[in-house]
Every structure is written in structure tokens, then in C-alpha cells.
Amino acid sequence: CGYTQDLTDNFDWTRQNALTQNPKRSPNTGPPTDISGTPEGYYMFIETSRPRELGDRARLVSPLYNASAKFYCVSFFYHMYGKHIGSLNLLVRSRNKGALDTHAWSLSGNKGNMWQ
């Protein structure tokens, strides 16, 4: 969908599906499939257990959107399952504000083995 890895983060997201999951990923973490429930469907995944450390960040950057309206809507599914879940944050960067990110939404901790 045009998202790219942020070059200033500590580690990267991985595009995977049920057929390409890393067999060494931590047990009892992550989704078994994407939101469709089919093994061919892809999702973005990060391992939050070792070797991750407190403060590590993995960031995806969206394409530039022309959001000139005062209000905007962002929609996505998330799956936050596992013992070492940190926080999922949505930041908004306005072109006219340079590199200043505005915190728009956040969720932390284990939310169960289901897509939300």
C-alpha cells in the first residue's frame, strides 16, 4: 500500500502471512493469519520479545496524503497478542510543520489473540 520502513527506527516490520511466518518467532505471539483468515493474506508483524529492549521502535511511514480538511479518518486492524507487547502509536506529520509529529492515537499491552 505504499508504506515504507522509517530509516531512523531501531528495527523493522516484516510483511508475512501464515505461509511465511518465521518458525523462530516467540510462541504464543502474533496472529495465525491476516484479518481475512486465509493463509495467503498478508499482514505486517514485529517481534516484541528478545532481542527487543525497552525504547526500541519500529516505524512504518505512509505515503503522503492530501488531508487539507480539518478532520480526517484513519482505519486499520491490529492484533496485539503476547507477553511483551509495548505500544502501538499513530502519529500524524503535517507538511507545513516539518518533522513535528502529532500523537493521534495509542494502545498498549496484550489485547488477546484476535484482530481488532
C-alpha atoms as a PDB file:
ATOM      1  CA  CYS A   1       0.000   0.000   0.000  1.00  0.00           C
ATOM      2  CA  GLY A   2       2.971   2.306  -0.363  1.00  0.00           C
ATOM      3  CA  TYR A   3       4.172   2.187   3.246  1.00  0.00           C
ATOM      4  CA  THR A   4       7.930   2.272   3.801  1.00  0.00           C
ATOM      5  CA  GLN A   5      10.247   1.450   6.689  1.00  0.00           C
ATOM      6  CA  ASP A   6      11.376   4.513   8.641  1.00  0.00           C
ATOM      7  CA  LEU A   7      15.153   4.734   8.327  1.00  0.00           C
ATOM      8  CA  THR A   8      15.508   6.291  11.801  1.00  0.00           C
ATOM      9  CA  ASP A   9      13.933   3.447  13.818  1.00  0.00           C
ATOM     10  CA  ASN A  10      15.685   0.583  15.669  1.00  0.00           C
ATOM     11  CA  PHE A  11      14.194  -2.419  13.861  1.00  0.00           C
ATOM     12  CA  ASP A  12      11.776  -3.180  11.026  1.00  0.00           C
ATOM     13  CA  TRP A  13       8.319  -4.536  10.409  1.00  0.00           C
ATOM     14  CA  THR A  14       8.064  -7.764   8.399  1.00  0.00           C
ATOM     15  CA  ARG A  15       5.430  -8.465   5.755  1.00  0.00           C
ATOM     16  CA  GLN A  16       4.301 -12.048   6.271  1.00  0.00           C
ATOM     17  CA  ASN A  17       1.405 -14.449   6.095  1.00  0.00           C
ATOM     18  CA  ALA A  18       0.608 -17.844   7.624  1.00  0.00           C
ATOM     19  CA  LEU A  19       2.783 -19.493   4.962  1.00  0.00           C
ATOM     20  CA  THR A  20       5.837 -17.253   5.519  1.00  0.00           C
ATOM     21  CA  GLN A  21       5.830 -16.855   9.317  1.00  0.00           C
ATOM     22  CA  ASN A  22       9.237 -17.121  10.914  1.00  0.00           C
ATOM     23  CA  PRO A  23       9.309 -20.517  12.663  1.00  0.00           C
ATOM     24  CA  LYS A  24      11.656 -18.998  15.297  1.00  0.00           C
ATOM     25  CA  ARG A  25       9.235 -16.275  16.396  1.00  0.00           C
ATOM     26  CA  SER A  26       8.185 -16.324  20.035  1.00  0.00           C
ATOM     27  CA  PRO A  27       5.460 -18.847  20.859  1.00  0.00           C
ATOM     28  CA  ASN A  28       2.002 -17.508  21.711  1.00  0.00           C
ATOM     29  CA  THR A  29       2.522 -14.231  19.859  1.00  0.00           C
ATOM     30  CA  GLY A  30       1.169 -12.672  16.718  1.00  0.00           C
ATOM     31  CA  PRO A  31      -1.766 -13.655  14.568  1.00  0.00           C
ATOM     32  CA  PRO A  32      -2.110 -17.060  12.904  1.00  0.00           C
ATOM     33  CA  THR A  33      -3.493 -15.375   9.741  1.00  0.00           C
ATOM     34  CA  ASP A  34      -4.430 -11.934   8.467  1.00  0.00           C
ATOM     35  CA  ILE A  35      -7.876 -10.440   9.131  1.00  0.00           C
ATOM     36  CA  SER A  36      -9.421 -12.490   6.284  1.00  0.00           C
ATOM     37  CA  GLY A  37      -8.479 -15.764   7.999  1.00  0.00           C
ATOM     38  CA  THR A  38      -6.852 -17.178   4.858  1.00  0.00           C
ATOM     39  CA  PRO A  39      -3.239 -18.423   4.933  1.00  0.00           C
ATOM     40  CA  GLU A  40      -2.387 -16.380   1.806  1.00  0.00           C
ATOM     41  CA  GLY A  41      -3.375 -12.989   3.264  1.00  0.00           C
ATOM     42  CA  TYR A  42      -0.528 -10.712   4.376  1.00  0.00           C
ATOM     43  CA  TYR A  43      -0.051  -8.537   7.449  1.00  0.00           C
ATOM     44  CA  MET A  44       2.798  -6.519   8.982  1.00  0.00           C
ATOM     45  CA  PHE A  45       4.482  -8.107  12.028  1.00  0.00           C
ATOM     46  CA  ILE A  46       7.092  -7.165  14.620  1.00  0.00           C
ATOM     47  CA  GLU A  47       8.667  -9.395  17.253  1.00  0.00           C
ATOM     48  CA  THR A  48       8.421  -7.609  20.614  1.00  0.00           C
ATOM     49  CA  SER A  49      10.280 -10.223  22.658  1.00  0.00           C
ATOM     50  CA  ARG A  50      14.071 -10.674  22.696  1.00  0.00           C
ATOM     51  CA  PRO A  51      16.192  -9.132  21.311  1.00  0.00           C
ATOM     52  CA  ARG A  52      13.911  -6.086  21.690  1.00  0.00           C
ATOM     53  CA  GLU A  53      14.660  -3.686  24.526  1.00  0.00           C
ATOM     54  CA  LEU A  54      12.571  -1.001  26.194  1.00  0.00           C
ATOM     55  CA  GLY A  55      12.545   2.055  23.956  1.00  0.00           C
ATOM     56  CA  ASP A  56      13.127   0.209  20.657  1.00  0.00           C
ATOM     57  CA  ARG A  57      10.930   1.498  17.834  1.00  0.00           C
ATOM     58  CA  ALA A  58       9.747   0.034  14.549  1.00  0.00           C
ATOM     59  CA  ARG A  59       8.030   2.605  12.334  1.00  0.00           C
ATOM     60  CA  LEU A  60       6.116   2.413   9.090  1.00  0.00           C
ATOM     61  CA  VAL A  61       5.638   5.635   7.141  1.00  0.00           C
ATOM     62  CA  SER A  62       2.559   6.063   4.981  1.00  0.00           C
ATOM     63  CA  PRO A  63       2.521   7.740   1.600  1.00  0.00           C
ATOM     64  CA  LEU A  64       1.822  11.466   1.658  1.00  0.00           C
ATOM     65  CA  TYR A  65      -1.913  12.177   1.800  1.00  0.00           C
ATOM     66  CA  ASN A  66      -3.575  15.425   0.821  1.00  0.00           C
ATOM     67  CA  ALA A  67      -5.545  15.872   4.032  1.00  0.00           C
ATOM     68  CA  SER A  68      -6.428  19.535   3.799  1.00  0.00           C
ATOM     69  CA  ALA A  69      -9.648  19.086   5.772  1.00  0.00           C
ATOM     70  CA  LYS A  70      -9.686  19.976   9.460  1.00  0.00           C
ATOM     71  CA  PHE A  71     -10.791  16.415  10.314  1.00  0.00           C
ATOM     72  CA  TYR A  72      -9.594  13.147   8.806  1.00  0.00           C
ATOM     73  CA  CYS A  73     -10.254   9.441   9.297  1.00  0.00           C
ATOM     74  CA  VAL A  74      -7.752   6.582   9.517  1.00  0.00           C
ATOM     75  CA  SER A  75      -8.895   2.974   9.660  1.00  0.00           C
ATOM     76  CA  PHE A  76      -6.820  -0.171  10.273  1.00  0.00           C
ATOM     77  CA  PHE A  77      -6.899  -3.531  12.047  1.00  0.00           C
ATOM     78  CA  TYR A  78      -4.421  -4.509  14.755  1.00  0.00           C
ATOM     79  CA  HIS A  79      -3.509  -7.728  16.569  1.00  0.00           C
ATOM     80  CA  MET A  80      -1.637  -7.163  19.821  1.00  0.00           C
ATOM     81  CA  TYR A  81      -1.082 -10.575  21.368  1.00  0.00           C
ATOM     82  CA  GLY A  82       1.803 -11.712  23.538  1.00  0.00           C
ATOM     83  CA  LYS A  83       3.540 -11.199  26.850  1.00  0.00           C
ATOM     84  CA  HIS A  84       5.898  -8.392  25.791  1.00  0.00           C
ATOM     85  CA  ILE A  85       3.545  -6.121  23.821  1.00  0.00           C
ATOM     86  CA  GLY A  86       4.579  -2.493  24.017  1.00  0.00           C
ATOM     87  CA  SER A  87       2.579   0.331  22.438  1.00  0.00           C
ATOM     88  CA  LEU A  88       1.079   0.884  19.017  1.00  0.00           C
ATOM     89  CA  ASN A  89       1.049   4.601  18.165  1.00  0.00           C
ATOM     90  CA  LEU A  90      -0.466   6.547  15.314  1.00  0.00           C
ATOM     91  CA  LEU A  91       1.395   9.779  14.585  1.00  0.00           C
ATOM     92  CA  VAL A  92       0.428  12.470  12.107  1.00  0.00           C
ATOM     93  CA  ARG A  93       3.014  14.654  10.404  1.00  0.00           C
ATOM     94  CA  SER A  94       1.860  17.816   8.703  1.00  0.00           C
ATOM     95  CA  ARG A  95       3.900  19.004   5.755  1.00  0.00           C
ATOM     96  CA  ASN A  96       3.831  22.618   6.926  1.00  0.00           C
ATOM     97  CA  LYS A  97       5.148  21.620  10.386  1.00  0.00           C
ATOM     98  CA  GLY A  98       8.345  19.937   9.166  1.00  0.00           C
ATOM     99  CA  ALA A  99       9.353  16.858  11.149  1.00  0.00           C
ATOM    100  CA  LEU A 100       6.938  17.545  14.013  1.00  0.00           C
ATOM    101  CA  ASP A 101       4.712  14.528  14.689  1.00  0.00           C
ATOM    102  CA  THR A 102       1.359  14.870  16.429  1.00  0.00           C
ATOM    103  CA  HIS A 103       0.285  11.945  18.590  1.00  0.00           C
ATOM    104  CA  ALA A 104      -3.195  10.955  17.338  1.00  0.00           C
ATOM    105  CA  TRP A 105      -3.850   7.536  18.954  1.00  0.00           C
ATOM    106  CA  SER A 106      -2.157   4.924  21.149  1.00  0.00           C
ATOM    107  CA  LEU A 107      -2.831   1.488  22.605  1.00  0.00           C
ATOM    108  CA  SER A 108      -0.614  -0.595  24.903  1.00  0.00           C
ATOM    109  CA  GLY A 109      -0.386  -4.173  26.168  1.00  0.00           C
ATOM    110  CA  ASN A 110      -1.806  -7.553  25.316  1.00  0.00           C
ATOM    111  CA  LYS A 111      -5.261  -7.295  23.720  1.00  0.00           C
ATOM    112  CA  GLY A 112      -5.818 -11.025  23.157  1.00  0.00           C
ATOM    113  CA  ASN A 113      -5.374 -13.397  20.258  1.00  0.00           C
ATOM    114  CA  MET A 114      -7.802 -11.637  17.900  1.00  0.00           C
ATOM    115  CA  TRP A 115      -7.893  -8.909  15.291  1.00  0.00           C
ATOM    116  CA  GLN A 116      -9.438  -5.660  16.455  1.00  0.00           C
END
